[in-house]
């Protein structure tokens, strides 16, 4: 039986506004690795609960896996098409998930455009109303609930992660950088 084209529309093609970069994926290798387990402290923002214990250990860059747990308050946003056309996507206004459960998340810790510590986190969650959702978590506004939340941390030893403006996508992205490179 033939498949009718109207029954299976072609997926949309995303075209970034800037010139295509010759190198799409930037990677660096580190011969050293450290792994540790961290428990997010109840009542703290996700940002503080990740950044402060790592900073006390001298860790400025890491990739983390948040194994799930309750949040007293969780805010997230999604990335629909940019209505102004400056980029393929633009973050939505913050969405209040209420007291929510993070099912699973990944957060990268690095430096933002201003040099301040930045936590970039994506997660799957169950909202306070019971709906499944996912997106970009707002770490400064999301508060760990009453029980500690386990996190697996891979420490990045030999380079740093820095947010830089990407001319192809016209948004700021995390990129690996040799320490001291501007």
N, C-alpha and C. Protein backbone atom coordinates (compact mmCIF):
# COMPACT_ATOMS: atom_id res chain seq x y z
N UNK A 1 0.84 -1.17 0.00
CA UNK A 1 0.00 0.00 0.00
C UNK A 1 0.89 1.24 0.00
N UNK A 2 0.70 2.17 -0.94
CA UNK A 2 1.55 3.37 -1.01
C UNK A 2 1.27 4.31 0.17
N UNK A 3 2.31 5.02 0.57
CA UNK A 3 2.19 6.02 1.64
C UNK A 3 1.85 7.35 1.00
N UNK A 4 0.78 7.95 1.46
CA UNK A 4 0.34 9.23 0.92
C UNK A 4 1.19 10.34 1.53
N UNK A 5 1.83 11.22 0.71
CA UNK A 5 2.70 12.28 1.24
C UNK A 5 2.02 13.20 2.24
N UNK A 6 0.75 13.48 2.07
CA UNK A 6 0.05 14.39 3.00
C UNK A 6 -0.07 13.77 4.39
N UNK A 7 -0.04 12.45 4.48
CA UNK A 7 -0.14 11.79 5.77
C UNK A 7 1.16 11.90 6.57
N UNK A 8 2.26 12.17 5.87
CA UNK A 8 3.57 12.27 6.51
C UNK A 8 4.27 13.52 6.00
N UNK A 9 3.91 14.68 6.56
CA UNK A 9 4.53 15.92 6.06
C UNK A 9 6.03 15.92 6.36
N UNK A 10 6.75 16.60 5.52
CA UNK A 10 8.20 16.72 5.68
C UNK A 10 8.50 17.54 6.93
N UNK A 11 9.46 17.08 7.76
CA UNK A 11 9.84 17.88 8.93
C UNK A 11 10.36 19.25 8.48
N UNK A 12 10.18 20.24 9.31
CA UNK A 12 10.66 21.57 8.92
C UNK A 12 12.18 21.60 8.96
N UNK A 13 12.76 22.38 8.11
CA UNK A 13 14.20 22.55 8.04
C UNK A 13 14.56 23.82 8.81
N UNK A 14 15.48 23.69 9.74
CA UNK A 14 15.92 24.84 10.53
C UNK A 14 17.16 25.43 9.87
N UNK A 15 17.11 26.71 9.58
CA UNK A 15 18.24 27.41 8.98
C UNK A 15 18.63 28.55 9.90
N UNK A 16 19.86 28.49 10.41
CA UNK A 16 20.33 29.55 11.31
C UNK A 16 20.56 30.83 10.52
N UNK A 17 20.47 31.99 11.19
CA UNK A 17 20.58 33.26 10.47
C UNK A 17 21.98 33.61 10.01
N UNK A 18 23.01 33.07 10.66
CA UNK A 18 24.38 33.43 10.30
C UNK A 18 24.99 32.45 9.30
N UNK A 19 26.16 32.81 8.85
CA UNK A 19 26.91 31.96 7.92
C UNK A 19 27.27 30.64 8.61
N UNK A 20 27.11 29.53 7.91
CA UNK A 20 27.42 28.22 8.46
C UNK A 20 28.88 28.14 8.87
N UNK A 21 29.11 27.69 10.07
CA UNK A 21 30.46 27.55 10.58
C UNK A 21 31.13 26.32 9.97
N UNK A 22 32.41 26.41 9.61
CA UNK A 22 33.08 25.25 9.04
C UNK A 22 33.25 24.12 10.05
N UNK A 23 33.36 24.48 11.34
CA UNK A 23 33.46 23.48 12.41
C UNK A 23 32.21 23.63 13.27
N UNK A 24 31.39 22.60 13.32
CA UNK A 24 30.14 22.66 14.06
C UNK A 24 30.28 22.23 15.51
N UNK A 25 31.07 21.21 15.74
CA UNK A 25 31.21 20.68 17.09
C UNK A 25 32.64 20.93 17.55
N UNK A 26 32.77 21.69 18.62
CA UNK A 26 34.08 21.98 19.20
C UNK A 26 34.27 21.02 20.37
N UNK A 27 35.38 20.33 20.37
CA UNK A 27 35.64 19.40 21.46
C UNK A 27 37.08 19.52 21.90
N UNK A 28 37.31 19.15 23.15
CA UNK A 28 38.66 19.11 23.70
C UNK A 28 38.78 17.84 24.51
N UNK A 29 39.99 17.35 24.59
CA UNK A 29 40.26 16.12 25.32
C UNK A 29 40.98 16.45 26.61
N UNK A 30 40.66 15.69 27.64
CA UNK A 30 41.32 15.87 28.92
C UNK A 30 41.86 14.52 29.38
N UNK A 31 43.16 14.43 29.58
CA UNK A 31 43.71 13.16 30.04
C UNK A 31 43.42 12.88 31.52
N UNK A 32 42.93 13.88 32.21
CA UNK A 32 42.61 13.72 33.63
C UNK A 32 41.10 13.83 33.83
N UNK A 33 40.59 13.03 34.74
CA UNK A 33 39.17 13.10 35.05
C UNK A 33 38.97 12.80 36.52
N UNK A 34 38.02 13.50 37.07
CA UNK A 34 37.63 13.25 38.45
C UNK A 34 36.12 13.15 38.47
N UNK A 35 35.62 12.20 39.19
CA UNK A 35 34.18 12.04 39.33
C UNK A 35 33.85 12.09 40.81
N UNK A 36 32.74 12.71 41.11
CA UNK A 36 32.30 12.72 42.50
C UNK A 36 30.79 12.74 42.56
N UNK A 37 30.29 12.41 43.72
CA UNK A 37 28.85 12.43 43.96
C UNK A 37 28.58 13.59 44.91
N UNK A 38 27.54 14.32 44.60
CA UNK A 38 27.16 15.50 45.37
C UNK A 38 25.70 15.37 45.75
N UNK A 39 25.33 15.85 46.90
CA UNK A 39 23.93 15.90 47.32
C UNK A 39 23.51 17.37 47.37
N UNK A 40 22.50 17.72 46.57
CA UNK A 40 22.01 19.11 46.58
C UNK A 40 21.32 19.39 47.90
N UNK A 41 21.70 20.47 48.52
CA UNK A 41 21.19 20.82 49.85
C UNK A 41 19.77 21.39 49.77
N UNK A 42 18.86 20.84 50.59
CA UNK A 42 17.48 21.35 50.61
C UNK A 42 17.42 22.84 50.93
N UNK A 43 16.45 23.51 50.30
CA UNK A 43 16.21 24.93 50.56
C UNK A 43 17.11 25.87 49.77
N UNK A 44 18.09 25.36 49.06
CA UNK A 44 19.00 26.19 48.27
C UNK A 44 18.51 26.27 46.83
N UNK A 45 18.91 27.31 46.13
CA UNK A 45 18.62 27.35 44.69
C UNK A 45 19.47 26.26 44.02
N UNK A 46 19.01 25.77 42.89
CA UNK A 46 19.79 24.78 42.16
C UNK A 46 21.17 25.33 41.84
N UNK A 47 21.25 26.60 41.48
CA UNK A 47 22.53 27.24 41.17
C UNK A 47 23.47 27.16 42.37
N UNK A 48 23.04 27.66 43.52
CA UNK A 48 23.88 27.65 44.71
C UNK A 48 24.21 26.24 45.18
N UNK A 49 23.24 25.34 45.10
CA UNK A 49 23.44 23.96 45.57
C UNK A 49 24.45 23.21 44.71
N UNK A 50 24.62 23.60 43.45
CA UNK A 50 25.64 23.00 42.59
C UNK A 50 26.97 23.75 42.69
N UNK A 51 26.92 25.05 42.54
CA UNK A 51 28.14 25.85 42.39
C UNK A 51 28.96 25.94 43.68
N UNK A 52 28.32 26.19 44.80
CA UNK A 52 29.07 26.44 46.04
C UNK A 52 29.87 25.23 46.52
N UNK A 53 29.30 24.02 46.58
CA UNK A 53 30.12 22.88 47.01
C UNK A 53 31.25 22.56 46.02
N UNK A 54 31.01 22.79 44.73
CA UNK A 54 32.08 22.56 43.76
C UNK A 54 33.18 23.61 43.91
N UNK A 55 32.81 24.87 44.11
CA UNK A 55 33.80 25.93 44.28
C UNK A 55 34.68 25.67 45.51
N UNK A 56 34.09 25.14 46.58
CA UNK A 56 34.87 24.81 47.78
C UNK A 56 35.92 23.75 47.48
N UNK A 57 35.69 22.94 46.46
CA UNK A 57 36.65 21.91 46.04
C UNK A 57 37.56 22.41 44.90
N UNK A 58 37.45 23.68 44.55
CA UNK A 58 38.27 24.25 43.49
C UNK A 58 37.81 23.89 42.09
N UNK A 59 36.56 23.50 41.95
CA UNK A 59 36.02 23.08 40.66
C UNK A 59 35.24 24.23 40.02
N UNK A 60 35.68 24.62 38.83
CA UNK A 60 35.03 25.74 38.12
C UNK A 60 34.28 25.30 36.87
N UNK A 61 34.54 24.06 36.42
CA UNK A 61 33.87 23.57 35.22
C UNK A 61 33.53 22.09 35.42
N UNK A 62 32.29 21.74 35.07
CA UNK A 62 31.87 20.35 35.27
C UNK A 62 30.64 20.05 34.42
N UNK A 63 30.43 18.77 34.20
CA UNK A 63 29.21 18.26 33.60
C UNK A 63 28.54 17.41 34.66
N UNK A 64 27.25 17.60 34.86
CA UNK A 64 26.57 16.88 35.94
C UNK A 64 25.34 16.16 35.43
N UNK A 65 25.00 15.10 36.14
CA UNK A 65 23.76 14.37 35.92
C UNK A 65 22.98 14.44 37.22
N UNK A 66 21.82 15.08 37.17
CA UNK A 66 20.96 15.20 38.35
C UNK A 66 20.02 14.00 38.32
N UNK A 67 20.12 13.16 39.35
CA UNK A 67 19.42 11.88 39.34
C UNK A 67 17.96 11.97 39.72
N UNK A 68 17.48 13.15 40.02
CA UNK A 68 16.05 13.33 40.25
C UNK A 68 15.71 13.53 41.71
N UNK A 69 14.66 14.33 41.92
CA UNK A 69 14.20 14.61 43.27
C UNK A 69 13.23 15.77 43.27
N UNK A 70 12.75 16.08 44.47
CA UNK A 70 11.73 17.10 44.62
C UNK A 70 12.28 18.51 44.72
N UNK A 71 11.56 19.44 44.12
CA UNK A 71 11.87 20.86 44.21
C UNK A 71 10.69 21.57 44.87
N UNK A 72 10.98 22.44 45.81
CA UNK A 72 9.93 23.23 46.46
C UNK A 72 9.33 24.20 45.45
N UNK A 73 10.15 24.66 44.51
CA UNK A 73 9.74 25.57 43.46
C UNK A 73 10.63 25.30 42.26
N UNK A 74 10.03 25.19 41.09
CA UNK A 74 10.83 24.92 39.89
C UNK A 74 10.31 25.77 38.74
N UNK A 75 11.21 26.50 38.13
CA UNK A 75 10.90 27.33 36.97
C UNK A 75 11.68 26.81 35.77
N UNK A 76 11.04 26.82 34.62
CA UNK A 76 11.70 26.40 33.39
C UNK A 76 11.16 27.22 32.23
N UNK A 77 11.81 27.10 31.09
CA UNK A 77 11.30 27.70 29.87
C UNK A 77 11.55 26.75 28.72
N UNK A 78 10.90 27.00 27.63
CA UNK A 78 11.06 26.19 26.43
C UNK A 78 11.59 27.10 25.32
N UNK A 79 11.91 26.52 24.18
CA UNK A 79 12.55 27.29 23.11
C UNK A 79 11.77 27.18 21.81
N UNK A 80 10.66 27.91 21.71
CA UNK A 80 9.91 27.93 20.45
C UNK A 80 10.64 28.79 19.41
N UNK A 81 10.17 28.79 18.17
CA UNK A 81 10.80 29.66 17.16
C UNK A 81 10.80 31.12 17.60
N UNK A 82 11.88 31.81 17.26
CA UNK A 82 12.01 33.23 17.59
C UNK A 82 11.05 34.04 16.72
N UNK A 83 10.05 34.69 17.33
CA UNK A 83 9.08 35.43 16.53
C UNK A 83 9.70 36.63 15.79
N UNK A 84 10.85 37.12 16.27
CA UNK A 84 11.50 38.25 15.61
C UNK A 84 12.51 37.81 14.55
N UNK A 85 12.77 36.49 14.46
CA UNK A 85 13.64 35.97 13.42
C UNK A 85 15.13 36.22 13.61
N UNK A 86 15.55 36.65 14.80
CA UNK A 86 16.98 36.89 15.03
C UNK A 86 17.76 35.59 15.19
N UNK A 87 17.06 34.53 15.59
CA UNK A 87 17.66 33.20 15.77
C UNK A 87 16.58 32.17 15.47
N UNK A 88 16.95 30.92 15.40
CA UNK A 88 15.96 29.87 15.15
C UNK A 88 15.01 29.75 16.35
N UNK A 89 15.55 29.94 17.54
CA UNK A 89 14.74 29.83 18.75
C UNK A 89 14.91 31.07 19.62
N UNK A 90 13.99 31.23 20.56
CA UNK A 90 14.10 32.24 21.61
C UNK A 90 13.44 31.64 22.84
N UNK A 91 14.05 31.79 23.99
CA UNK A 91 13.45 31.23 25.19
C UNK A 91 12.10 31.87 25.48
N UNK A 92 11.19 31.06 25.96
CA UNK A 92 9.88 31.55 26.37
C UNK A 92 10.01 32.30 27.69
N UNK A 93 8.94 32.95 28.11
CA UNK A 93 8.89 33.51 29.45
C UNK A 93 8.98 32.34 30.44
N UNK A 94 9.46 32.59 31.66
CA UNK A 94 9.54 31.51 32.64
C UNK A 94 8.17 30.87 32.90
N UNK A 95 8.19 29.55 33.04
CA UNK A 95 6.99 28.78 33.36
C UNK A 95 7.15 28.27 34.78
N UNK A 96 6.18 28.54 35.62
CA UNK A 96 6.21 28.13 37.02
C UNK A 96 5.62 26.73 37.13
N UNK A 97 6.46 25.74 37.42
CA UNK A 97 6.01 24.35 37.57
C UNK A 97 5.51 24.07 38.98
N UNK A 98 5.65 25.06 39.87
CA UNK A 98 5.23 24.87 41.25
C UNK A 98 6.18 23.94 41.99
N UNK A 99 5.67 23.29 43.02
CA UNK A 99 6.44 22.25 43.70
C UNK A 99 6.45 21.07 42.73
N UNK A 100 7.62 20.71 42.23
CA UNK A 100 7.70 19.76 41.13
C UNK A 100 8.77 18.72 41.40
N UNK A 101 8.72 17.66 40.62
CA UNK A 101 9.72 16.60 40.69
C UNK A 101 10.56 16.62 39.43
N UNK A 102 11.87 16.74 39.60
CA UNK A 102 12.77 16.61 38.46
C UNK A 102 13.01 15.12 38.29
N UNK A 103 12.62 14.59 37.16
CA UNK A 103 12.80 13.17 36.88
C UNK A 103 14.27 12.89 36.60
N UNK A 104 14.87 13.75 35.79
CA UNK A 104 16.25 13.57 35.37
C UNK A 104 16.73 14.88 34.75
N UNK A 105 17.96 15.26 35.01
CA UNK A 105 18.48 16.48 34.41
C UNK A 105 19.97 16.42 34.16
N UNK A 106 20.42 17.28 33.29
CA UNK A 106 21.85 17.46 33.03
C UNK A 106 22.17 18.94 33.15
N UNK A 107 23.22 19.24 33.87
CA UNK A 107 23.64 20.64 34.02
C UNK A 107 25.13 20.74 33.72
N UNK A 108 25.48 21.79 33.00
CA UNK A 108 26.88 22.10 32.72
C UNK A 108 27.22 23.36 33.49
N UNK A 109 28.38 23.35 34.16
CA UNK A 109 28.83 24.50 34.93
C UNK A 109 30.03 25.09 34.20
N UNK A 110 29.97 26.38 33.94
CA UNK A 110 31.06 27.08 33.27
C UNK A 110 30.97 28.56 33.59
N UNK A 111 31.50 29.37 32.70
CA UNK A 111 31.48 30.83 32.87
C UNK A 111 30.60 31.45 31.80
N UNK A 112 29.79 32.43 32.23
CA UNK A 112 28.91 33.14 31.32
C UNK A 112 29.63 34.25 30.58
N UNK A 113 28.90 35.00 29.80
CA UNK A 113 29.47 36.09 29.01
C UNK A 113 30.19 37.12 29.86
N UNK A 114 29.70 37.36 31.09
CA UNK A 114 30.31 38.36 31.98
C UNK A 114 31.44 37.78 32.82
N UNK A 115 31.65 36.47 32.74
CA UNK A 115 32.66 35.81 33.56
C UNK A 115 32.11 35.18 34.82
N UNK A 116 30.85 35.45 35.14
CA UNK A 116 30.23 34.86 36.33
C UNK A 116 29.94 33.38 36.08
N UNK A 117 29.88 32.61 37.16
CA UNK A 117 29.57 31.19 37.04
C UNK A 117 28.17 31.03 36.49
N UNK A 118 28.03 30.15 35.50
CA UNK A 118 26.76 29.91 34.85
C UNK A 118 26.44 28.43 34.92
N UNK A 119 25.19 28.12 35.25
CA UNK A 119 24.70 26.74 35.26
C UNK A 119 23.66 26.65 34.15
N UNK A 120 23.93 25.78 33.17
CA UNK A 120 22.99 25.57 32.07
C UNK A 120 22.40 24.18 32.26
N UNK A 121 21.09 24.11 32.50
CA UNK A 121 20.45 22.86 32.88
C UNK A 121 19.21 22.58 32.03
N UNK A 122 19.12 21.36 31.53
CA UNK A 122 17.92 20.87 30.86
C UNK A 122 17.43 19.67 31.64
N UNK A 123 16.11 19.53 31.75
CA UNK A 123 15.58 18.43 32.56
C UNK A 123 14.18 18.04 32.10
N UNK A 124 13.81 16.84 32.53
CA UNK A 124 12.45 16.34 32.40
C UNK A 124 11.85 16.43 33.79
N UNK A 125 10.60 16.88 33.88
CA UNK A 125 9.99 17.08 35.19
C UNK A 125 8.51 16.75 35.18
N UNK A 126 8.01 16.56 36.38
CA UNK A 126 6.56 16.45 36.59
C UNK A 126 6.18 17.69 37.38
N UNK A 127 5.29 18.48 36.80
CA UNK A 127 4.89 19.74 37.44
C UNK A 127 4.07 19.48 38.69
N UNK A 128 3.86 20.52 39.47
CA UNK A 128 3.02 20.42 40.66
C UNK A 128 1.61 19.97 40.33
N UNK A 129 1.15 20.26 39.11
CA UNK A 129 -0.19 19.85 38.67
C UNK A 129 -0.21 18.43 38.11
N UNK A 130 0.97 17.78 38.05
CA UNK A 130 1.04 16.40 37.58
C UNK A 130 1.36 16.21 36.11
N UNK A 131 1.54 17.29 35.37
CA UNK A 131 1.85 17.18 33.93
C UNK A 131 3.34 16.91 33.74
N UNK A 132 3.65 16.13 32.71
CA UNK A 132 5.04 15.91 32.33
C UNK A 132 5.48 17.09 31.47
N UNK A 133 6.69 17.56 31.70
CA UNK A 133 7.21 18.70 30.95
C UNK A 133 8.73 18.56 30.86
N UNK A 134 9.32 19.44 30.13
CA UNK A 134 10.77 19.46 30.02
C UNK A 134 11.22 20.75 29.41
N UNK A 135 12.46 21.06 29.64
CA UNK A 135 13.00 22.28 29.05
C UNK A 135 14.23 22.75 29.76
N UNK A 136 14.47 24.04 29.61
CA UNK A 136 15.63 24.72 30.18
C UNK A 136 15.25 25.20 31.59
N UNK A 137 15.94 24.68 32.60
CA UNK A 137 15.64 25.01 33.99
C UNK A 137 16.29 26.35 34.34
N UNK A 138 15.59 27.15 35.13
CA UNK A 138 16.16 28.41 35.61
C UNK A 138 16.77 28.14 36.99
N UNK A 139 18.09 27.87 37.05
CA UNK A 139 18.73 27.41 38.29
C UNK A 139 18.67 28.40 39.45
N UNK A 140 18.71 29.69 39.17
CA UNK A 140 18.69 30.68 40.26
C UNK A 140 17.31 30.75 40.93
N UNK A 141 16.26 30.39 40.21
CA UNK A 141 14.89 30.51 40.72
C UNK A 141 14.31 29.18 41.20
N UNK A 142 14.99 28.08 40.91
CA UNK A 142 14.48 26.76 41.26
C UNK A 142 15.09 26.33 42.59
N UNK A 143 14.22 25.98 43.55
CA UNK A 143 14.64 25.72 44.93
C UNK A 143 14.51 24.23 45.26
N UNK A 144 15.62 23.64 45.71
CA UNK A 144 15.63 22.23 46.09
C UNK A 144 14.62 22.01 47.21
N UNK A 145 13.86 20.92 47.13
CA UNK A 145 12.82 20.60 48.10
C UNK A 145 13.39 20.11 49.43
N UNK A 146 12.58 19.39 50.21
CA UNK A 146 12.96 19.03 51.57
C UNK A 146 14.01 17.92 51.69
N UNK A 147 14.25 17.16 50.63
CA UNK A 147 15.23 16.07 50.71
C UNK A 147 16.40 16.35 49.77
N UNK A 148 17.62 15.98 50.17
CA UNK A 148 18.77 16.15 49.27
C UNK A 148 18.55 15.41 47.95
N UNK A 149 19.11 15.96 46.88
CA UNK A 149 18.99 15.37 45.55
C UNK A 149 20.39 14.94 45.09
N UNK A 150 20.54 13.66 44.70
CA UNK A 150 21.85 13.18 44.28
C UNK A 150 22.25 13.66 42.88
N UNK A 151 23.53 13.98 42.74
CA UNK A 151 24.08 14.46 41.48
C UNK A 151 25.42 13.77 41.24
N UNK A 152 25.62 13.29 40.02
CA UNK A 152 26.92 12.75 39.62
C UNK A 152 27.65 13.85 38.87
N UNK A 153 28.91 14.08 39.25
CA UNK A 153 29.69 15.19 38.69
C UNK A 153 30.92 14.64 37.97
N UNK A 154 31.11 15.09 36.74
CA UNK A 154 32.36 14.85 36.02
C UNK A 154 33.08 16.18 35.97
N UNK A 155 34.22 16.24 36.62
CA UNK A 155 34.99 17.48 36.72
C UNK A 155 35.80 17.66 35.44
N UNK A 156 35.76 18.86 34.90
CA UNK A 156 36.55 19.20 33.72
C UNK A 156 37.83 19.85 34.23
N UNK A 157 38.94 19.14 34.07
CA UNK A 157 40.21 19.56 34.68
C UNK A 157 41.08 20.43 33.78
N UNK A 158 41.18 20.08 32.49
CA UNK A 158 42.23 20.64 31.66
C UNK A 158 41.80 21.77 30.73
N UNK A 159 40.56 22.16 30.79
CA UNK A 159 40.08 23.29 29.99
C UNK A 159 38.87 23.85 30.71
N UNK A 160 38.34 24.95 30.20
CA UNK A 160 37.16 25.55 30.81
C UNK A 160 36.01 25.56 29.82
N UNK A 161 34.84 25.76 30.34
CA UNK A 161 33.64 25.90 29.53
C UNK A 161 33.22 27.35 29.64
N UNK A 162 33.11 28.02 28.48
CA UNK A 162 32.76 29.45 28.48
C UNK A 162 31.65 29.72 27.49
N UNK A 163 30.76 30.57 27.89
CA UNK A 163 29.68 31.00 27.01
C UNK A 163 30.24 32.08 26.09
N UNK A 164 30.02 31.91 24.81
CA UNK A 164 30.46 32.90 23.82
C UNK A 164 29.36 33.08 22.79
N UNK A 165 29.36 34.23 22.17
CA UNK A 165 28.38 34.49 21.12
C UNK A 165 28.76 33.66 19.90
N UNK A 166 27.78 32.95 19.34
CA UNK A 166 27.99 32.14 18.15
C UNK A 166 27.37 32.87 16.96
N UNK A 167 28.18 33.30 15.99
CA UNK A 167 27.63 34.09 14.88
C UNK A 167 26.69 33.30 13.97
N UNK A 168 26.83 31.99 13.90
CA UNK A 168 25.92 31.22 13.04
C UNK A 168 24.51 31.17 13.62
N UNK A 169 24.40 30.84 14.91
CA UNK A 169 23.09 30.72 15.53
C UNK A 169 22.56 32.05 16.05
N UNK A 170 23.46 33.01 16.24
CA UNK A 170 23.14 34.32 16.80
C UNK A 170 22.64 34.22 18.25
N UNK A 171 23.13 33.21 18.97
CA UNK A 171 22.85 33.08 20.40
C UNK A 171 24.16 32.73 21.11
N UNK A 172 24.18 32.91 22.40
CA UNK A 172 25.35 32.56 23.20
C UNK A 172 25.31 31.06 23.52
N UNK A 173 26.43 30.38 23.30
CA UNK A 173 26.53 28.94 23.53
C UNK A 173 27.75 28.63 24.40
N UNK A 174 27.67 27.54 25.15
CA UNK A 174 28.85 27.05 25.87
C UNK A 174 29.81 26.42 24.87
N UNK A 175 31.11 26.73 25.04
CA UNK A 175 32.16 26.17 24.20
C UNK A 175 33.35 25.81 25.09
N UNK A 176 34.09 24.75 24.75
CA UNK A 176 35.31 24.46 25.50
C UNK A 176 36.39 25.45 25.08
N UNK A 177 37.20 25.90 26.04
CA UNK A 177 38.27 26.85 25.76
C UNK A 177 39.49 26.46 26.60
N UNK A 178 40.65 26.67 26.02
CA UNK A 178 41.87 26.50 26.82
C UNK A 178 41.87 27.57 27.88
N UNK A 179 42.33 27.23 29.05
CA UNK A 179 42.35 28.21 30.14
C UNK A 179 43.20 29.41 29.73
N UNK A 180 42.67 30.62 29.96
CA UNK A 180 43.38 31.84 29.63
C UNK A 180 43.10 32.37 28.24
N UNK A 181 42.50 31.57 27.34
CA UNK A 181 42.17 32.06 26.00
C UNK A 181 40.98 32.99 26.09
N UNK A 182 41.02 34.08 25.37
CA UNK A 182 39.88 34.98 25.31
C UNK A 182 39.37 34.95 23.94
